[in-house]
Amino acid sequence: MRILLGWAINALCLLALPYLLSAVQIGSFGTALVVALVLGLLNVFIRPVLVVLTLPINLLTLGLFTLVINGLLFWVTSRLVDGFTVASFGWAIVGALVYSLISWAVSSLLMGRD
């Protein structure tokens, strides 16, 4: 049940993104659910591989390169899912950052700690 609640929260946070960033567009709540699912799957399976492969540059930038990895996954998701568009890779980095901040804040308020 907690996973479904987190999925719905992430979808709602994605729906808030176009109101904050005009470079990110999302079609509907159904599209937001698909985007949240695809983004979650990419974060589970692809992100760890990218983090390990970019470990040297991540160490040199004191972890800031992780923002680029998050933006890349956000941008790839926009290319995979119809109805979800991001204007450019730069906006994908900004969108991923804003999305993660909103999602973290809402999840903290609604789901609390265990």
C-alpha atoms as a PDB file:
ATOM      1  CA  MET A   1       0.000   0.000   0.000  1.00  0.00           C
ATOM      2  CA  ARG A   2       2.876   2.338   0.817  1.00  0.00           C
ATOM      3  CA  ILE A   3       4.366   1.811  -2.655  1.00  0.00           C
ATOM      4  CA  LEU A   4       1.077   2.751  -4.322  1.00  0.00           C
ATOM      5  CA  LEU A   5       0.777   5.855  -2.166  1.00  0.00           C
ATOM      6  CA  GLY A   6       4.327   6.878  -3.074  1.00  0.00           C
ATOM      7  CA  TRP A   7       3.574   6.293  -6.764  1.00  0.00           C
ATOM      8  CA  ALA A   8       0.458   8.489  -6.575  1.00  0.00           C
ATOM      9  CA  ILE A   9       2.346  11.211  -4.702  1.00  0.00           C
ATOM     10  CA  ASN A  10       5.084  11.221  -7.337  1.00  0.00           C
ATOM     11  CA  ALA A  11       2.479  11.444 -10.114  1.00  0.00           C
ATOM     12  CA  LEU A  12       0.814  14.416  -8.405  1.00  0.00           C
ATOM     13  CA  CYS A  13       4.191  16.106  -7.978  1.00  0.00           C
ATOM     14  CA  LEU A  14       4.822  15.609 -11.695  1.00  0.00           C
ATOM     15  CA  LEU A  15       1.503  17.318 -12.436  1.00  0.00           C
ATOM     16  CA  ALA A  16       2.665  20.365 -10.453  1.00  0.00           C
ATOM     17  CA  LEU A  17       5.850  20.707 -12.496  1.00  0.00           C
ATOM     18  CA  PRO A  18       4.377  22.480 -15.582  1.00  0.00           C
ATOM     19  CA  TYR A  19       2.995  25.199 -13.296  1.00  0.00           C
ATOM     20  CA  LEU A  20       6.498  25.899 -11.993  1.00  0.00           C
ATOM     21  CA  LEU A  21       8.537  25.289 -15.167  1.00  0.00           C
ATOM     22  CA  SER A  22       7.065  26.125 -18.544  1.00  0.00           C
ATOM     23  CA  ALA A  23       9.717  23.955 -20.261  1.00  0.00           C
ATOM     24  CA  VAL A  24       8.163  20.786 -18.801  1.00  0.00           C
ATOM     25  CA  GLN A  25       4.766  19.663 -20.107  1.00  0.00           C
ATOM     26  CA  ILE A  26       2.682  16.676 -19.074  1.00  0.00           C
ATOM     27  CA  GLY A  27      -0.587  15.627 -20.676  1.00  0.00           C
ATOM     28  CA  SER A  28      -2.777  14.086 -17.981  1.00  0.00           C
ATOM     29  CA  PHE A  29      -2.834  12.258 -14.670  1.00  0.00           C
ATOM     30  CA  GLY A  30      -2.584   8.944 -16.522  1.00  0.00           C
ATOM     31  CA  THR A  31       0.532  10.178 -18.273  1.00  0.00           C
ATOM     32  CA  ALA A  32       1.905  11.318 -14.918  1.00  0.00           C
ATOM     33  CA  LEU A  33       1.354   7.814 -13.510  1.00  0.00           C
ATOM     34  CA  VAL A  34       3.229   6.277 -16.444  1.00  0.00           C
ATOM     35  CA  VAL A  35       6.048   8.821 -16.127  1.00  0.00           C
ATOM     36  CA  ALA A  36       6.343   8.140 -12.389  1.00  0.00           C
ATOM     37  CA  LEU A  37       6.505   4.399 -13.084  1.00  0.00           C
ATOM     38  CA  VAL A  38       9.102   4.694 -15.873  1.00  0.00           C
ATOM     39  CA  LEU A  39      11.196   7.167 -13.882  1.00  0.00           C
ATOM     40  CA  GLY A  40      11.071   4.870 -10.866  1.00  0.00           C
ATOM     41  CA  LEU A  41      12.149   1.865 -12.919  1.00  0.00           C
ATOM     42  CA  LEU A  42      15.008   3.812 -14.501  1.00  0.00           C
ATOM     43  CA  ASN A  43      16.110   4.969 -11.055  1.00  0.00           C
ATOM     44  CA  VAL A  44      16.074   1.406  -9.751  1.00  0.00           C
ATOM     45  CA  PHE A  45      17.845  -0.318 -12.646  1.00  0.00           C
ATOM     46  CA  ILE A  46      19.871   2.250 -14.620  1.00  0.00           C
ATOM     47  CA  ARG A  47      20.851   4.890 -12.037  1.00  0.00           C
ATOM     48  CA  PRO A  48      23.110   2.613  -9.922  1.00  0.00           C
ATOM     49  CA  VAL A  49      25.047   1.583 -13.027  1.00  0.00           C
ATOM     50  CA  LEU A  50      25.488   5.216 -14.086  1.00  0.00           C
ATOM     51  CA  VAL A  51      26.594   6.231 -10.592  1.00  0.00           C
ATOM     52  CA  VAL A  52      29.252   3.510 -10.535  1.00  0.00           C
ATOM     53  CA  LEU A  53      30.451   4.327 -14.059  1.00  0.00           C
ATOM     54  CA  THR A  54      30.743   8.047 -13.263  1.00  0.00           C
ATOM     55  CA  LEU A  55      32.235   7.596  -9.807  1.00  0.00           C
ATOM     56  CA  PRO A  56      35.532   9.386 -10.591  1.00  0.00           C
ATOM     57  CA  ILE A  57      33.831  12.521 -11.931  1.00  0.00           C
ATOM     58  CA  ASN A  58      31.299  12.331  -9.121  1.00  0.00           C
ATOM     59  CA  LEU A  59      34.127  12.356  -6.579  1.00  0.00           C
ATOM     60  CA  LEU A  60      35.825  15.286  -8.330  1.00  0.00           C
ATOM     61  CA  THR A  61      32.615  17.316  -8.298  1.00  0.00           C
ATOM     62  CA  LEU A  62      31.808  16.308  -4.709  1.00  0.00           C
ATOM     63  CA  GLY A  63      28.627  14.555  -5.798  1.00  0.00           C
ATOM     64  CA  LEU A  64      27.204  17.350  -7.929  1.00  0.00           C
ATOM     65  CA  PHE A  65      27.445  15.200 -11.056  1.00  0.00           C
ATOM     66  CA  THR A  66      24.550  13.219  -9.591  1.00  0.00           C
ATOM     67  CA  LEU A  67      22.343  16.139 -10.642  1.00  0.00           C
ATOM     68  CA  VAL A  68      23.405  15.503 -14.240  1.00  0.00           C
ATOM     69  CA  ILE A  69      22.584  11.796 -13.890  1.00  0.00           C
ATOM     70  CA  ASN A  70      19.136  12.646 -12.495  1.00  0.00           C
ATOM     71  CA  GLY A  71      18.578  15.105 -15.341  1.00  0.00           C
ATOM     72  CA  LEU A  72      19.647  12.488 -17.874  1.00  0.00           C
ATOM     73  CA  LEU A  73      17.140   9.962 -16.518  1.00  0.00           C
ATOM     74  CA  PHE A  74      14.428  12.652 -16.488  1.00  0.00           C
ATOM     75  CA  TRP A  75      15.235  13.542 -20.099  1.00  0.00           C
ATOM     76  CA  VAL A  76      15.294   9.886 -21.198  1.00  0.00           C
ATOM     77  CA  THR A  77      11.874   9.426 -19.585  1.00  0.00           C
ATOM     78  CA  SER A  78      10.543  12.369 -21.588  1.00  0.00           C
ATOM     79  CA  ARG A  79      11.760  10.652 -24.757  1.00  0.00           C
ATOM     80  CA  LEU A  80      10.179   7.319 -23.825  1.00  0.00           C
ATOM     81  CA  VAL A  81       6.711   8.488 -22.715  1.00  0.00           C
ATOM     82  CA  ASP A  82       4.294  10.230 -25.079  1.00  0.00           C
ATOM     83  CA  GLY A  83       2.583  13.234 -23.524  1.00  0.00           C
ATOM     84  CA  PHE A  84       5.594  14.159 -21.395  1.00  0.00           C
ATOM     85  CA  THR A  85       7.982  16.696 -22.908  1.00  0.00           C
ATOM     86  CA  VAL A  86      11.013  18.550 -21.657  1.00  0.00           C
ATOM     87  CA  ALA A  87      12.384  21.395 -23.776  1.00  0.00           C
ATOM     88  CA  SER A  88      16.093  20.530 -23.463  1.00  0.00           C
ATOM     89  CA  PHE A  89      18.648  18.619 -21.443  1.00  0.00           C
ATOM     90  CA  GLY A  90      19.361  21.700 -19.323  1.00  0.00           C
ATOM     91  CA  TRP A  91      15.695  22.005 -18.461  1.00  0.00           C
ATOM     92  CA  ALA A  92      15.672  18.288 -17.671  1.00  0.00           C
ATOM     93  CA  ILE A  93      18.320  18.876 -14.995  1.00  0.00           C
ATOM     94  CA  VAL A  94      16.309  21.769 -13.542  1.00  0.00           C
ATOM     95  CA  GLY A  95      13.077  19.770 -13.799  1.00  0.00           C
ATOM     96  CA  ALA A  96      14.587  16.753 -12.076  1.00  0.00           C
ATOM     97  CA  LEU A  97      15.879  18.962  -9.262  1.00  0.00           C
ATOM     98  CA  VAL A  98      12.542  20.731  -8.744  1.00  0.00           C
ATOM     99  CA  TYR A  99      10.627  17.448  -9.029  1.00  0.00           C
ATOM    100  CA  SER A 100      12.811  15.752  -6.432  1.00  0.00           C
ATOM    101  CA  LEU A 101      12.448  18.676  -4.014  1.00  0.00           C
ATOM    102  CA  ILE A 102       8.655  18.754  -4.380  1.00  0.00           C
ATOM    103  CA  SER A 103       8.383  14.974  -4.116  1.00  0.00           C
ATOM    104  CA  TRP A 104      10.595  14.872  -1.033  1.00  0.00           C
ATOM    105  CA  ALA A 105       8.623  17.629   0.708  1.00  0.00           C
ATOM    106  CA  VAL A 106       5.192  16.173  -0.054  1.00  0.00           C
ATOM    107  CA  SER A 107       6.266  12.619   0.805  1.00  0.00           C
ATOM    108  CA  SER A 108       7.722  13.812   4.110  1.00  0.00           C
ATOM    109  CA  LEU A 109       4.518  15.599   5.020  1.00  0.00           C
ATOM    110  CA  LEU A 110       2.083  12.880   3.972  1.00  0.00           C
ATOM    111  CA  MET A 111       3.906   9.654   4.634  1.00  0.00           C
ATOM    112  CA  GLY A 112       6.050  10.645   7.602  1.00  0.00           C
ATOM    113  CA  ARG A 113       8.812   8.446   8.993  1.00  0.00           C
ATOM    114  CA  ASP A 114       8.715   4.829  10.014  1.00  0.00           C
END
